[in-house]
């Protein structure tokens, strides 16, 4: 198991190297090491799963200490890739194509005003732009320019309980994800409507994509149709299949 010092050292080597290091350390935790660390019987599937869950929660706490408050590097507009790479668990042709005229963003959970938002209402919110690096767990990264409303601004506007633990997202393709409230309130976390100063194309998540530069790509859901605030752990599409939940980069 890596220490906080080791994790910081890995981060200084760059985002992709840090991911590779974390994956190596995760994969190197053998059943024998698991037995020594936890004292559990590796033939008892329930105890093994409980031990793995405990390790994952420890990892989330370490990543939270490392990533929650740091600002990611920003770049000049000239560094942004115009033809950004498509990324999903299916081909580009299968990307959802939502009708902006009838689109409504659903709201639920610990929120005062749960009235759905139209796209025009979202576009009317104060917006900002950022040029940051998107880092994929698969090992590639790209710099892009995204524009949209800070998620904090939107959460404040709808009367979300900012002391709650999690913000969750549901998407038109069946994908779902969630982030901790501290990451949701991070100044670089945006609900984005544009890439490279143009309205998001369907392949990039039209009409709404979450941009969290402090997290890996799978924590940046596209085609968002609903947002909710909760104190109950919400999981995520890949996280429920074994990925680390915090997903810091």
Protein backbone atom coordinates (compact mmCIF):
# COMPACT_ATOMS: atom_id res chain seq x y z
CA UNK A 1 0.00 0.00 0.00
CA UNK A 2 1.48 3.38 -0.96
CA UNK A 3 2.03 6.13 1.57
CA UNK A 4 0.95 9.76 1.26
CA UNK A 5 4.60 10.62 0.57
CA UNK A 6 4.74 8.08 -2.26
CA UNK A 7 1.52 9.44 -3.78
CA UNK A 8 2.87 13.01 -3.76
CA UNK A 9 6.08 11.83 -5.40
CA UNK A 10 4.08 10.09 -8.09
CA UNK A 11 2.13 13.26 -8.79
CA UNK A 12 5.34 15.21 -9.36
CA UNK A 13 6.19 12.78 -12.16
CA UNK A 14 3.10 13.86 -14.15
CA UNK A 15 -0.55 12.75 -14.31
CA UNK A 16 -0.14 9.72 -16.57
CA UNK A 17 2.87 8.42 -14.62
CA UNK A 18 0.88 8.90 -11.40
CA UNK A 19 -1.98 6.82 -12.78
CA UNK A 20 0.39 4.08 -13.91
CA UNK A 21 1.99 4.02 -10.47
CA UNK A 22 -1.35 3.78 -8.67
CA UNK A 23 -2.53 0.99 -10.98
CA UNK A 24 0.73 -0.92 -10.43
CA UNK A 25 0.45 -0.57 -6.67
CA UNK A 26 -3.17 -1.68 -6.77
CA UNK A 27 -2.38 -4.69 -8.93
CA UNK A 28 0.61 -5.65 -6.80
CA UNK A 29 -1.59 -6.17 -3.72
CA UNK A 30 -1.60 -9.97 -3.84
CA UNK A 31 -3.93 -12.24 -1.92
CA UNK A 32 -1.03 -13.06 0.37
CA UNK A 33 -0.47 -9.38 1.10
CA UNK A 34 -4.19 -8.93 1.64
CA UNK A 35 -4.11 -11.74 4.21
CA UNK A 36 -1.16 -10.17 6.03
CA UNK A 37 -2.69 -6.70 6.01
CA UNK A 38 -6.17 -7.65 7.12
CA UNK A 39 -5.95 -11.11 8.68
CA UNK A 40 -8.93 -12.18 6.59
CA UNK A 41 -9.43 -15.65 5.20
CA UNK A 42 -8.97 -15.32 1.41
CA UNK A 43 -11.32 -18.25 0.89
CA UNK A 44 -14.09 -16.20 2.52
CA UNK A 45 -15.37 -14.00 -0.31
CA UNK A 46 -17.31 -11.71 2.04
CA UNK A 47 -14.26 -10.95 4.18
CA UNK A 48 -12.08 -10.40 1.10
CA UNK A 49 -14.63 -7.96 -0.33
CA UNK A 50 -14.89 -6.15 3.00
CA UNK A 51 -11.10 -5.81 3.15
CA UNK A 52 -10.93 -4.51 -0.41
CA UNK A 53 -13.68 -2.00 0.35
CA UNK A 54 -11.74 -0.80 3.39
CA UNK A 55 -8.60 -0.35 1.27
CA UNK A 56 -10.61 1.54 -1.35
CA UNK A 57 -12.04 3.88 1.30
CA UNK A 58 -8.51 4.50 2.62
CA UNK A 59 -7.40 5.30 -0.92
CA UNK A 60 -10.31 7.74 -1.32
CA UNK A 61 -9.27 9.55 1.87
CA UNK A 62 -5.66 9.84 0.69
CA UNK A 63 -6.73 11.13 -2.71
CA UNK A 64 -9.13 13.58 -1.08
CA UNK A 65 -6.27 15.02 0.96
CA UNK A 66 -4.11 15.29 -2.17
CA UNK A 67 -6.49 16.52 -4.84
CA UNK A 68 -9.49 18.32 -3.38
CA UNK A 69 -8.05 21.82 -3.01
CA UNK A 70 -5.22 21.97 -5.54
CA UNK A 71 -5.60 23.94 -8.76
CA UNK A 72 -4.71 22.12 -11.96
CA UNK A 73 -2.42 23.84 -14.49
CA UNK A 74 -4.07 25.99 -17.15
CA UNK A 75 -2.75 26.60 -20.67
CA UNK A 76 -3.04 29.19 -23.45
CA UNK A 77 -5.84 28.78 -25.97
CA UNK A 78 -3.27 27.78 -28.57
CA UNK A 79 -2.53 24.58 -26.62
CA UNK A 80 -6.13 23.33 -26.86
CA UNK A 81 -6.82 20.43 -29.23
CA UNK A 82 -9.57 21.31 -31.70
CA UNK A 83 -10.52 17.75 -32.68
CA UNK A 84 -10.81 16.34 -29.17
CA UNK A 85 -10.80 12.58 -28.81
CA UNK A 86 -14.13 10.79 -28.40
CA UNK A 87 -14.23 8.66 -25.28
CA UNK A 88 -16.98 6.26 -24.18
CA UNK A 89 -17.57 2.55 -23.68
CA UNK A 90 -19.09 2.36 -27.20
CA UNK A 91 -18.40 3.79 -30.66
CA UNK A 92 -18.88 7.41 -31.64
CA UNK A 93 -21.86 6.56 -33.88
CA UNK A 94 -23.79 5.44 -30.81
CA UNK A 95 -23.39 8.75 -28.96
CA UNK A 96 -26.75 10.15 -27.79
CA UNK A 97 -28.27 12.97 -29.84
CA UNK A 98 -30.46 15.06 -27.57
CA UNK A 99 -32.94 17.69 -28.72
CA UNK A 100 -31.85 20.99 -27.18
CA UNK A 101 -35.29 22.56 -27.66
CA UNK A 102 -37.01 20.01 -25.44
CA UNK A 103 -34.08 19.32 -23.11
CA UNK A 104 -34.62 19.74 -19.38
CA UNK A 105 -32.07 19.11 -16.64
CA UNK A 106 -33.76 17.24 -13.80
CA UNK A 107 -32.95 18.02 -10.16
CA UNK A 108 -33.53 15.99 -7.02
CA UNK A 109 -32.23 15.30 -3.54
CA UNK A 110 -31.10 17.92 -1.03
CA UNK A 111 -32.06 20.90 -3.21
CA UNK A 112 -34.51 23.72 -2.41
CA UNK A 113 -35.67 24.37 -5.98
CA UNK A 114 -36.14 21.18 -7.98
CA UNK A 115 -37.70 22.79 -11.03
CA UNK A 116 -36.08 21.34 -14.18
CA UNK A 117 -33.84 23.72 -16.10
CA UNK A 118 -34.14 24.32 -19.84
CA UNK A 119 -31.05 24.74 -21.98
CA UNK A 120 -31.78 28.45 -22.49
CA UNK A 121 -31.92 28.92 -18.73
CA UNK A 122 -28.60 27.15 -18.32
CA UNK A 123 -27.02 29.26 -21.09
CA UNK A 124 -28.18 32.43 -19.28
CA UNK A 125 -26.03 31.64 -16.23
CA UNK A 126 -22.67 33.43 -15.80
CA UNK A 127 -20.03 31.45 -17.65
CA UNK A 128 -16.28 31.07 -17.66
CA UNK A 129 -13.69 29.20 -19.73
CA UNK A 130 -10.69 27.07 -18.90
CA UNK A 131 -7.94 25.36 -20.87
CA UNK A 132 -6.97 22.27 -18.89
CA UNK A 133 -5.70 18.75 -19.43
CA UNK A 134 -8.11 15.82 -19.58
CA UNK A 135 -6.42 12.66 -18.29
CA UNK A 136 -7.87 9.25 -19.13
CA UNK A 137 -7.38 6.18 -16.95
CA UNK A 138 -6.39 4.35 -20.16
CA UNK A 139 -3.14 6.36 -20.22
CA UNK A 140 -3.72 9.18 -22.72
CA UNK A 141 -4.33 12.87 -22.12
CA UNK A 142 -5.37 15.92 -24.14
CA UNK A 143 -5.61 19.65 -23.50
CA UNK A 144 -8.95 21.22 -24.33
CA UNK A 145 -10.82 24.46 -23.86
CA UNK A 146 -14.17 24.14 -22.08
CA UNK A 147 -16.71 26.85 -21.29
CA UNK A 148 -19.65 26.77 -18.93
CA UNK A 149 -20.99 27.70 -15.51
CA UNK A 150 -19.03 26.86 -12.36
CA UNK A 151 -20.85 23.97 -10.70
CA UNK A 152 -20.70 25.87 -7.41
CA UNK A 153 -22.61 28.77 -8.96
CA UNK A 154 -25.30 26.41 -10.22
CA UNK A 155 -25.58 24.57 -6.91
CA UNK A 156 -25.94 27.87 -5.06
CA UNK A 157 -28.57 29.06 -7.55
CA UNK A 158 -30.78 25.98 -6.99
CA UNK A 159 -30.38 26.07 -3.21
CA UNK A 160 -28.40 22.86 -2.91
CA UNK A 161 -27.27 21.79 0.54
CA UNK A 162 -23.56 22.55 0.25
CA UNK A 163 -22.86 20.66 3.47
CA UNK A 164 -24.06 17.40 1.86
CA UNK A 165 -21.50 14.76 0.97
CA UNK A 166 -22.09 14.01 -2.71
CA UNK A 167 -23.32 15.36 -6.03
CA UNK A 168 -24.52 12.76 -8.52
CA UNK A 169 -25.13 12.85 -12.27
CA UNK A 170 -27.30 10.76 -14.60
CA UNK A 171 -26.75 10.70 -18.35
CA UNK A 172 -28.74 10.06 -21.51
CA UNK A 173 -26.72 6.95 -22.40
CA UNK A 174 -27.33 5.22 -19.06
CA UNK A 175 -23.99 6.33 -17.62
CA UNK A 176 -23.95 7.72 -14.09
CA UNK A 177 -21.29 9.19 -11.84
CA UNK A 178 -20.80 11.14 -8.63
CA UNK A 179 -18.25 13.36 -6.94
CA UNK A 180 -17.62 14.58 -3.41
CA UNK A 181 -19.05 17.98 -2.50
CA UNK A 182 -15.60 19.53 -2.03
CA UNK A 183 -14.75 18.64 -5.65
CA UNK A 184 -18.15 19.95 -6.79
CA UNK A 185 -17.35 23.31 -5.18
CA UNK A 186 -13.82 23.43 -6.61
CA UNK A 187 -13.36 26.64 -8.67
CA UNK A 188 -12.31 24.66 -11.78
CA UNK A 189 -15.32 22.31 -11.77
CA UNK A 190 -17.74 23.36 -14.53
CA UNK A 191 -21.02 22.35 -16.10
CA UNK A 192 -19.82 22.88 -19.64
CA UNK A 193 -21.79 23.88 -22.73
CA UNK A 194 -18.95 24.58 -25.18
CA UNK A 195 -15.63 23.13 -26.32
CA UNK A 196 -13.15 25.26 -28.30
CA UNK A 197 -15.68 28.15 -28.10
CA UNK A 198 -18.32 26.12 -29.97
CA UNK A 199 -21.49 24.49 -28.64
CA UNK A 200 -20.72 20.90 -27.67
CA UNK A 201 -21.12 18.47 -30.55
CA UNK A 202 -23.08 15.30 -29.69
CA UNK A 203 -19.84 13.31 -29.42
CA UNK A 204 -18.56 15.72 -26.75
CA UNK A 205 -21.64 15.49 -24.54
CA UNK A 206 -24.25 17.94 -25.88
CA UNK A 207 -25.96 19.64 -24.27
CA UNK A 208 -24.22 19.42 -20.86
CA UNK A 209 -20.93 17.82 -19.81
CA UNK A 210 -19.22 17.93 -16.43
CA UNK A 211 -15.63 19.11 -16.49
CA UNK A 212 -13.56 18.27 -13.39
CA UNK A 213 -9.86 18.72 -14.23
CA UNK A 214 -8.84 17.41 -10.81
CA UNK A 215 -10.30 14.00 -11.68
CA UNK A 216 -9.79 11.28 -14.28
CA UNK A 217 -11.87 11.28 -17.43
CA UNK A 218 -14.43 8.73 -16.27
CA UNK A 219 -15.44 11.24 -13.54
CA UNK A 220 -16.37 13.78 -16.26
CA UNK A 221 -19.78 12.53 -17.46
CA UNK A 222 -21.36 13.68 -20.73
CA UNK A 223 -24.98 14.05 -21.93
CA UNK A 224 -26.08 14.91 -18.39
CA UNK A 225 -29.84 14.76 -17.88
CA UNK A 226 -30.12 14.95 -14.09
CA UNK A 227 -28.20 16.26 -11.07
CA UNK A 228 -28.89 15.30 -7.47
CA UNK A 229 -27.40 16.07 -4.05
CA UNK A 230 -27.26 13.40 -1.37
CA UNK A 231 -25.58 12.14 1.79
CA UNK A 232 -25.99 8.56 0.64
CA UNK A 233 -23.03 7.13 -1.26
CA UNK A 234 -24.11 7.10 -4.94
CA UNK A 235 -21.33 5.11 -6.63
CA UNK A 236 -20.81 5.34 -10.38
CA UNK A 237 -20.90 3.33 -13.60
CA UNK A 238 -17.24 2.29 -13.58
CA UNK A 239 -16.81 2.62 -9.84
CA UNK A 240 -19.49 -0.03 -9.30
CA UNK A 241 -17.41 -2.24 -11.61
CA UNK A 242 -14.22 -1.88 -9.57
CA UNK A 243 -12.72 1.53 -10.41
CA UNK A 244 -11.55 3.71 -7.53
CA UNK A 245 -14.40 6.10 -6.66
CA UNK A 246 -12.49 9.32 -5.92
CA UNK A 247 -10.66 9.19 -9.26
CA UNK A 248 -8.19 12.01 -8.62
CA UNK A 249 -5.53 12.85 -11.19
